[in-house]
């Protein structure tokens, strides 16, 4: 976990590029952090972005939730690599931000190979050589590819066909990534061949534009 000091609201607003209101909220969060505060909660239950809205961890049955503990990992600018049930305190710190006052300069350099090394260990525990990367580009850049060794890093792309023009719509792609994570966990899929059957939200595998490490899924907009 990265070490946080008591940042002022002005420093937080400048560092995170957020409004004064959000800066004030996070200054209060950081100043109240303690192991005894009782404010920590499971990572997958705390995060609420678009990816997590379709992952819907709270609605998974017990067996699938246990599967998520084994196989699902969350990238965090502050904590590095999290299991869904790991306790975290509320915070805001995007992976792409600079870290003034620290010798690393950026969170990417701060984490270095640590996240990749942890993924290698976790993959060995579940006996797989595949990482299905459903993180955004900003976060997946924190995984040092060279440090993954023999692990394959598979990054699906989700596109929409809008009147003959193919586009990657950020909002829709985020939701599709969360839906794919849930789909893989619920169905206990572990093989790359299984990805071709993904059809949640109207997406279909597009073999013609897919590559070995970048499977493409296309949806025709109404």
C-alpha atoms as a PDB file:
ATOM      1  CA  UNK A   1       0.000   0.000   0.000  1.00  0.00           C
ATOM      2  CA  UNK A   2       1.271   3.479  -0.831  1.00  0.00           C
ATOM      3  CA  UNK A   3       1.998   5.781   2.083  1.00  0.00           C
ATOM      4  CA  UNK A   4      -0.296   8.795   2.353  1.00  0.00           C
ATOM      5  CA  UNK A   5       0.400  11.950   4.327  1.00  0.00           C
ATOM      6  CA  UNK A   6      -2.098  14.615   5.358  1.00  0.00           C
ATOM      7  CA  UNK A   7      -2.584  16.469   2.106  1.00  0.00           C
ATOM      8  CA  UNK A   8      -4.226  19.880   2.134  1.00  0.00           C
ATOM      9  CA  UNK A   9      -7.354  20.454   0.047  1.00  0.00           C
ATOM     10  CA  UNK A  10      -5.364  22.636  -2.350  1.00  0.00           C
ATOM     11  CA  UNK A  11      -2.699  19.967  -2.818  1.00  0.00           C
ATOM     12  CA  UNK A  12      -5.336  17.285  -3.444  1.00  0.00           C
ATOM     13  CA  UNK A  13      -7.199  19.449  -5.959  1.00  0.00           C
ATOM     14  CA  UNK A  14      -3.949  20.095  -7.836  1.00  0.00           C
ATOM     15  CA  UNK A  15      -2.695  16.502  -7.667  1.00  0.00           C
ATOM     16  CA  UNK A  16      -5.945  14.782  -8.618  1.00  0.00           C
ATOM     17  CA  UNK A  17      -7.380  17.504 -10.887  1.00  0.00           C
ATOM     18  CA  UNK A  18     -10.674  17.512  -9.008  1.00  0.00           C
ATOM     19  CA  UNK A  19     -13.143  20.146  -7.835  1.00  0.00           C
ATOM     20  CA  UNK A  20     -12.772  21.857  -4.426  1.00  0.00           C
ATOM     21  CA  UNK A  21     -15.756  19.834  -3.164  1.00  0.00           C
ATOM     22  CA  UNK A  22     -14.139  16.494  -4.042  1.00  0.00           C
ATOM     23  CA  UNK A  23     -10.785  17.711  -2.741  1.00  0.00           C
ATOM     24  CA  UNK A  24     -12.383  18.555   0.608  1.00  0.00           C
ATOM     25  CA  UNK A  25     -14.029  15.123   0.809  1.00  0.00           C
ATOM     26  CA  UNK A  26     -10.732  13.333   0.184  1.00  0.00           C
ATOM     27  CA  UNK A  27      -8.785  15.523   2.588  1.00  0.00           C
ATOM     28  CA  UNK A  28     -11.275  14.485   5.272  1.00  0.00           C
ATOM     29  CA  UNK A  29     -10.945  10.827   4.259  1.00  0.00           C
ATOM     30  CA  UNK A  30      -7.161  10.824   4.433  1.00  0.00           C
ATOM     31  CA  UNK A  31      -7.032  12.649   7.766  1.00  0.00           C
ATOM     32  CA  UNK A  32      -9.402  10.157   9.413  1.00  0.00           C
ATOM     33  CA  UNK A  33      -7.659   6.993   8.252  1.00  0.00           C
ATOM     34  CA  UNK A  34      -6.728   4.484  10.933  1.00  0.00           C
ATOM     35  CA  UNK A  35      -6.839   0.729  11.389  1.00  0.00           C
ATOM     36  CA  UNK A  36      -9.327   1.194  14.213  1.00  0.00           C
ATOM     37  CA  UNK A  37     -11.684   3.574  12.415  1.00  0.00           C
ATOM     38  CA  UNK A  38     -14.102   0.824  11.357  1.00  0.00           C
ATOM     39  CA  UNK A  39     -14.579   2.540   7.992  1.00  0.00           C
ATOM     40  CA  UNK A  40     -12.879  -0.118   5.844  1.00  0.00           C
ATOM     41  CA  UNK A  41     -14.967  -2.311   3.557  1.00  0.00           C
ATOM     42  CA  UNK A  42     -14.444  -4.971   0.914  1.00  0.00           C
ATOM     43  CA  UNK A  43     -12.842  -3.538  -2.212  1.00  0.00           C
ATOM     44  CA  UNK A  44     -15.404  -4.955  -4.658  1.00  0.00           C
ATOM     45  CA  UNK A  45     -18.232  -3.494  -2.566  1.00  0.00           C
ATOM     46  CA  UNK A  46     -16.638  -0.055  -2.228  1.00  0.00           C
ATOM     47  CA  UNK A  47     -15.786   0.682  -5.856  1.00  0.00           C
ATOM     48  CA  UNK A  48     -18.850   1.843  -7.784  1.00  0.00           C
ATOM     49  CA  UNK A  49     -17.706   2.899 -11.261  1.00  0.00           C
ATOM     50  CA  UNK A  50     -19.361   1.711 -14.457  1.00  0.00           C
ATOM     51  CA  UNK A  51     -17.371  -1.544 -14.534  1.00  0.00           C
ATOM     52  CA  UNK A  52     -18.577  -2.457 -11.046  1.00  0.00           C
ATOM     53  CA  UNK A  53     -22.201  -1.640 -11.890  1.00  0.00           C
ATOM     54  CA  UNK A  54     -22.314  -4.576 -14.308  1.00  0.00           C
ATOM     55  CA  UNK A  55     -20.019  -6.807 -12.254  1.00  0.00           C
ATOM     56  CA  UNK A  56     -22.570  -6.427  -9.423  1.00  0.00           C
ATOM     57  CA  UNK A  57     -20.546  -8.259  -6.792  1.00  0.00           C
ATOM     58  CA  UNK A  58     -23.285  -7.865  -4.180  1.00  0.00           C
ATOM     59  CA  UNK A  59     -25.660 -10.016  -6.235  1.00  0.00           C
ATOM     60  CA  UNK A  60     -23.276 -12.930  -6.858  1.00  0.00           C
ATOM     61  CA  UNK A  61     -24.159 -16.202  -5.164  1.00  0.00           C
ATOM     62  CA  UNK A  62     -21.776 -17.584  -2.548  1.00  0.00           C
ATOM     63  CA  UNK A  63     -20.055 -19.978  -4.921  1.00  0.00           C
ATOM     64  CA  UNK A  64     -19.382 -17.296  -7.532  1.00  0.00           C
ATOM     65  CA  UNK A  65     -18.216 -14.866  -4.874  1.00  0.00           C
ATOM     66  CA  UNK A  66     -15.730 -17.489  -3.696  1.00  0.00           C
ATOM     67  CA  UNK A  67     -14.623 -17.937  -7.305  1.00  0.00           C
ATOM     68  CA  UNK A  68     -14.056 -14.171  -7.515  1.00  0.00           C
ATOM     69  CA  UNK A  69     -11.853 -14.321  -4.433  1.00  0.00           C
ATOM     70  CA  UNK A  70      -9.714 -16.940  -6.194  1.00  0.00           C
ATOM     71  CA  UNK A  71      -9.592 -15.454  -9.665  1.00  0.00           C
ATOM     72  CA  UNK A  72     -10.581 -11.773  -9.743  1.00  0.00           C
ATOM     73  CA  UNK A  73      -8.054  -9.039  -9.002  1.00  0.00           C
ATOM     74  CA  UNK A  74      -8.570  -5.273  -8.846  1.00  0.00           C
ATOM     75  CA  UNK A  75      -5.905  -2.746  -9.843  1.00  0.00           C
ATOM     76  CA  UNK A  76      -5.627   0.221  -7.490  1.00  0.00           C
ATOM     77  CA  UNK A  77      -3.439   3.312  -7.628  1.00  0.00           C
ATOM     78  CA  UNK A  78      -3.208   3.309  -3.841  1.00  0.00           C
ATOM     79  CA  UNK A  79      -3.206  -0.384  -2.911  1.00  0.00           C
ATOM     80  CA  UNK A  80      -1.663  -1.973  -6.006  1.00  0.00           C
ATOM     81  CA  UNK A  81      -3.397  -5.333  -6.463  1.00  0.00           C
ATOM     82  CA  UNK A  82      -6.506  -6.209  -4.474  1.00  0.00           C
ATOM     83  CA  UNK A  83      -8.676  -9.278  -3.989  1.00  0.00           C
ATOM     84  CA  UNK A  84     -12.415  -8.481  -4.024  1.00  0.00           C
ATOM     85  CA  UNK A  85     -12.752  -9.147  -0.286  1.00  0.00           C
ATOM     86  CA  UNK A  86      -9.675  -7.151   0.795  1.00  0.00           C
ATOM     87  CA  UNK A  87     -10.580  -4.364   3.210  1.00  0.00           C
ATOM     88  CA  UNK A  88      -9.866  -0.862   1.945  1.00  0.00           C
ATOM     89  CA  UNK A  89     -10.603   2.660   3.125  1.00  0.00           C
ATOM     90  CA  UNK A  90     -12.414   5.057   0.815  1.00  0.00           C
ATOM     91  CA  UNK A  91     -10.026   7.093  -1.309  1.00  0.00           C
ATOM     92  CA  UNK A  92      -9.531   8.697  -4.692  1.00  0.00           C
ATOM     93  CA  UNK A  93      -6.208   8.305  -6.488  1.00  0.00           C
ATOM     94  CA  UNK A  94      -6.184   7.450 -10.191  1.00  0.00           C
ATOM     95  CA  UNK A  95      -3.328   5.296 -11.423  1.00  0.00           C
ATOM     96  CA  UNK A  96      -2.194   7.841 -14.001  1.00  0.00           C
ATOM     97  CA  UNK A  97      -1.471  10.640 -11.514  1.00  0.00           C
ATOM     98  CA  UNK A  98       1.964  11.994 -10.669  1.00  0.00           C
ATOM     99  CA  UNK A  99       3.281  11.660  -7.120  1.00  0.00           C
ATOM    100  CA  UNK A 100       4.972  14.934  -6.164  1.00  0.00           C
ATOM    101  CA  UNK A 101       7.489  14.616  -3.352  1.00  0.00           C
ATOM    102  CA  UNK A 102       8.184  10.923  -4.039  1.00  0.00           C
ATOM    103  CA  UNK A 103      11.327   9.799  -5.837  1.00  0.00           C
ATOM    104  CA  UNK A 104       9.289   7.593  -8.216  1.00  0.00           C
ATOM    105  CA  UNK A 105       7.491  10.604  -9.631  1.00  0.00           C
ATOM    106  CA  UNK A 106       4.526   8.565 -10.928  1.00  0.00           C
ATOM    107  CA  UNK A 107       2.456   5.695  -9.634  1.00  0.00           C
ATOM    108  CA  UNK A 108       3.545   3.563 -12.577  1.00  0.00           C
ATOM    109  CA  UNK A 109       7.167   3.856 -11.476  1.00  0.00           C
ATOM    110  CA  UNK A 110       6.208   3.506  -7.817  1.00  0.00           C
ATOM    111  CA  UNK A 111       4.595   0.121  -8.435  1.00  0.00           C
ATOM    112  CA  UNK A 112       7.246  -0.970 -10.950  1.00  0.00           C
ATOM    113  CA  UNK A 113       7.090  -4.760 -11.267  1.00  0.00           C
ATOM    114  CA  UNK A 114       5.260  -5.336  -7.951  1.00  0.00           C
ATOM    115  CA  UNK A 115       1.793  -5.703  -9.495  1.00  0.00           C
ATOM    116  CA  UNK A 116       3.005  -8.001 -12.265  1.00  0.00           C
ATOM    117  CA  UNK A 117       4.919 -10.134  -9.766  1.00  0.00           C
ATOM    118  CA  UNK A 118       1.799 -10.495  -7.622  1.00  0.00           C
ATOM    119  CA  UNK A 119      -0.227 -11.537 -10.679  1.00  0.00           C
ATOM    120  CA  UNK A 120       2.360 -14.195 -11.515  1.00  0.00           C
ATOM    121  CA  UNK A 121       2.076 -15.621  -7.999  1.00  0.00           C
ATOM    122  CA  UNK A 122      -1.719 -15.583  -8.029  1.00  0.00           C
ATOM    123  CA  UNK A 123      -1.858 -17.187 -11.488  1.00  0.00           C
ATOM    124  CA  UNK A 124       0.401 -19.968 -10.273  1.00  0.00           C
ATOM    125  CA  UNK A 125      -1.932 -20.565  -7.311  1.00  0.00           C
ATOM    126  CA  UNK A 126      -4.904 -21.163  -9.629  1.00  0.00           C
ATOM    127  CA  UNK A 127      -2.778 -22.955 -12.217  1.00  0.00           C
ATOM    128  CA  UNK A 128      -3.370 -20.700 -15.205  1.00  0.00           C
ATOM    129  CA  UNK A 129      -1.103 -19.025 -17.731  1.00  0.00           C
ATOM    130  CA  UNK A 130      -3.697 -16.432 -18.784  1.00  0.00           C
ATOM    131  CA  UNK A 131      -4.596 -13.014 -17.418  1.00  0.00           C
ATOM    132  CA  UNK A 132      -7.874 -11.699 -18.824  1.00  0.00           C
ATOM    133  CA  UNK A 133      -7.273  -7.960 -18.670  1.00  0.00           C
ATOM    134  CA  UNK A 134     -10.552  -6.091 -18.191  1.00  0.00           C
ATOM    135  CA  UNK A 135      -8.978  -2.928 -16.797  1.00  0.00           C
ATOM    136  CA  UNK A 136      -8.814   0.414 -18.594  1.00  0.00           C
ATOM    137  CA  UNK A 137      -5.650   1.363 -20.465  1.00  0.00           C
ATOM    138  CA  UNK A 138      -4.742   3.750 -17.627  1.00  0.00           C
ATOM    139  CA  UNK A 139      -4.727   0.931 -15.103  1.00  0.00           C
ATOM    140  CA  UNK A 140      -3.456  -1.929 -17.243  1.00  0.00           C
ATOM    141  CA  UNK A 141      -0.318   0.139 -17.945  1.00  0.00           C
ATOM    142  CA  UNK A 142       0.631  -0.496 -14.304  1.00  0.00           C
ATOM    143  CA  UNK A 143       1.253  -4.163 -15.162  1.00  0.00           C
ATOM    144  CA  UNK A 144       4.847  -4.569 -16.352  1.00  0.00           C
ATOM    145  CA  UNK A 145       4.451  -6.935 -19.298  1.00  0.00           C
ATOM    146  CA  UNK A 146       8.095  -8.049 -19.227  1.00  0.00           C
ATOM    147  CA  UNK A 147       7.702  -9.139 -15.593  1.00  0.00           C
ATOM    148  CA  UNK A 148       4.773 -11.426 -16.490  1.00  0.00           C
ATOM    149  CA  UNK A 149       7.131 -14.002 -17.961  1.00  0.00           C
ATOM    150  CA  UNK A 150       5.108 -16.782 -19.614  1.00  0.00           C
ATOM    151  CA  UNK A 151       1.731 -15.330 -18.608  1.00  0.00           C
ATOM    152  CA  UNK A 152      -0.438 -14.283 -21.546  1.00  0.00           C
ATOM    153  CA  UNK A 153      -2.090 -10.881 -21.131  1.00  0.00           C
ATOM    154  CA  UNK A 154      -5.394 -10.938 -23.051  1.00  0.00           C
ATOM    155  CA  UNK A 155      -7.121  -7.557 -23.479  1.00  0.00           C
ATOM    156  CA  UNK A 156     -10.606  -7.683 -25.077  1.00  0.00           C
ATOM    157  CA  UNK A 157     -11.825  -4.673 -27.047  1.00  0.00           C
ATOM    158  CA  UNK A 158     -15.512  -3.733 -27.194  1.00  0.00           C
ATOM    159  CA  UNK A 159     -16.798  -1.805 -30.202  1.00  0.00           C
ATOM    160  CA  UNK A 160     -20.145  -0.602 -31.513  1.00  0.00           C
ATOM    161  CA  UNK A 161     -21.282  -0.400 -35.120  1.00  0.00           C
ATOM    162  CA  UNK A 162     -23.148   2.871 -35.533  1.00  0.00           C
ATOM    163  CA  UNK A 163     -24.539   3.178 -39.059  1.00  0.00           C
ATOM    164  CA  UNK A 164     -21.556   1.403 -40.526  1.00  0.00           C
ATOM    165  CA  UNK A 165     -18.958   3.209 -38.427  1.00  0.00           C
ATOM    166  CA  UNK A 166     -17.188   1.170 -35.753  1.00  0.00           C
ATOM    167  CA  UNK A 167     -16.318   2.952 -32.535  1.00  0.00           C
ATOM    168  CA  UNK A 168     -15.141   2.124 -29.049  1.00  0.00           C
ATOM    169  CA  UNK A 169     -17.606   3.943 -26.785  1.00  0.00           C
ATOM    170  CA  UNK A 170     -15.917   4.415 -23.406  1.00  0.00           C
ATOM    171  CA  UNK A 171     -19.067   4.188 -21.256  1.00  0.00           C
ATOM    172  CA  UNK A 172     -20.327   1.073 -23.043  1.00  0.00           C
ATOM    173  CA  UNK A 173     -16.899  -0.579 -23.032  1.00  0.00           C
ATOM    174  CA  UNK A 174     -16.574  -0.101 -19.266  1.00  0.00           C
ATOM    175  CA  UNK A 175     -19.903  -1.795 -18.698  1.00  0.00           C
ATOM    176  CA  UNK A 176     -19.014  -4.598 -21.093  1.00  0.00           C
ATOM    177  CA  UNK A 177     -15.764  -5.273 -19.203  1.00  0.00           C
ATOM    178  CA  UNK A 178     -17.654  -5.627 -15.934  1.00  0.00           C
ATOM    179  CA  UNK A 179     -20.243  -7.852 -17.589  1.00  0.00           C
ATOM    180  CA  UNK A 180     -17.518 -10.086 -19.036  1.00  0.00           C
ATOM    181  CA  UNK A 181     -15.869 -10.475 -15.630  1.00  0.00           C
ATOM    182  CA  UNK A 182     -19.186 -11.542 -14.097  1.00  0.00           C
ATOM    183  CA  UNK A 183     -19.963 -13.865 -17.034  1.00  0.00           C
ATOM    184  CA  UNK A 184     -16.603 -15.614 -16.772  1.00  0.00           C
ATOM    185  CA  UNK A 185     -16.936 -16.087 -13.012  1.00  0.00           C
ATOM    186  CA  UNK A 186     -20.533 -17.310 -13.066  1.00  0.00           C
ATOM    187  CA  UNK A 187     -19.829 -19.812 -15.832  1.00  0.00           C
ATOM    188  CA  UNK A 188     -16.446 -20.844 -14.368  1.00  0.00           C
ATOM    189  CA  UNK A 189     -14.804 -20.202 -17.732  1.00  0.00           C
ATOM    190  CA  UNK A 190     -11.028 -20.621 -17.768  1.00  0.00           C
ATOM    191  CA  UNK A 191     -10.099 -21.259 -21.422  1.00  0.00           C
ATOM    192  CA  UNK A 192      -9.521 -18.624 -24.103  1.00  0.00           C
ATOM    193  CA  UNK A 193     -11.816 -20.533 -26.453  1.00  0.00           C
ATOM    194  CA  UNK A 194     -14.703 -19.763 -24.091  1.00  0.00           C
ATOM    195  CA  UNK A 195     -14.457 -16.032 -24.816  1.00  0.00           C
ATOM    196  CA  UNK A 196     -15.924 -16.487 -28.287  1.00  0.00           C
ATOM    197  CA  UNK A 197     -19.305 -17.318 -26.737  1.00  0.00           C
ATOM    198  CA  UNK A 198     -19.605 -14.006 -24.849  1.00  0.00           C
ATOM    199  CA  UNK A 199     -22.882 -12.344 -25.879  1.00  0.00           C
ATOM    200  CA  UNK A 200     -23.934 -10.214 -22.903  1.00  0.00           C
ATOM    201  CA  UNK A 201     -25.381  -6.815 -23.797  1.00  0.00           C
ATOM    202  CA  UNK A 202     -25.713  -7.640 -27.478  1.00  0.00           C
ATOM    203  CA  UNK A 203     -21.992  -8.125 -28.131  1.00  0.00           C
ATOM    204  CA  UNK A 204     -20.665 -10.866 -30.391  1.00  0.00           C
ATOM    205  CA  UNK A 205     -17.157 -12.094 -31.035  1.00  0.00           C
ATOM    206  CA  UNK A 206     -15.688 -10.651 -34.241  1.00  0.00           C
ATOM    207  CA  UNK A 207     -13.181 -13.206 -35.475  1.00  0.00           C
ATOM    208  CA  UNK A 208     -12.160 -11.154 -38.518  1.00  0.00           C
ATOM    209  CA  UNK A 209     -10.736  -8.208 -36.554  1.00  0.00           C
ATOM    210  CA  UNK A 210      -9.526 -10.108 -33.504  1.00  0.00           C
ATOM    211  CA  UNK A 211      -5.902 -10.967 -32.802  1.00  0.00           C
ATOM    212  CA  UNK A 212      -4.460 -13.585 -30.470  1.00  0.00           C
ATOM    213  CA  UNK A 213      -4.138 -11.215 -27.518  1.00  0.00           C
ATOM    214  CA  UNK A 214      -6.836  -8.703 -28.491  1.00  0.00           C
ATOM    215  CA  UNK A 215     -10.221 -10.390 -29.067  1.00  0.00           C
ATOM    216  CA  UNK A 216     -12.759  -7.937 -30.453  1.00  0.00           C
ATOM    217  CA  UNK A 217     -16.467  -7.917 -29.598  1.00  0.00           C
ATOM    218  CA  UNK A 218     -18.914  -5.944 -31.713  1.00  0.00           C
ATOM    219  CA  UNK A 219     -22.388  -4.653 -30.961  1.00  0.00           C
ATOM    220  CA  UNK A 220     -24.727  -3.113 -33.501  1.00  0.00           C
ATOM    221  CA  UNK A 221     -26.322  -0.013 -32.019  1.00  0.00           C
ATOM    222  CA  UNK A 222     -30.088   0.381 -32.349  1.00  0.00           C
END
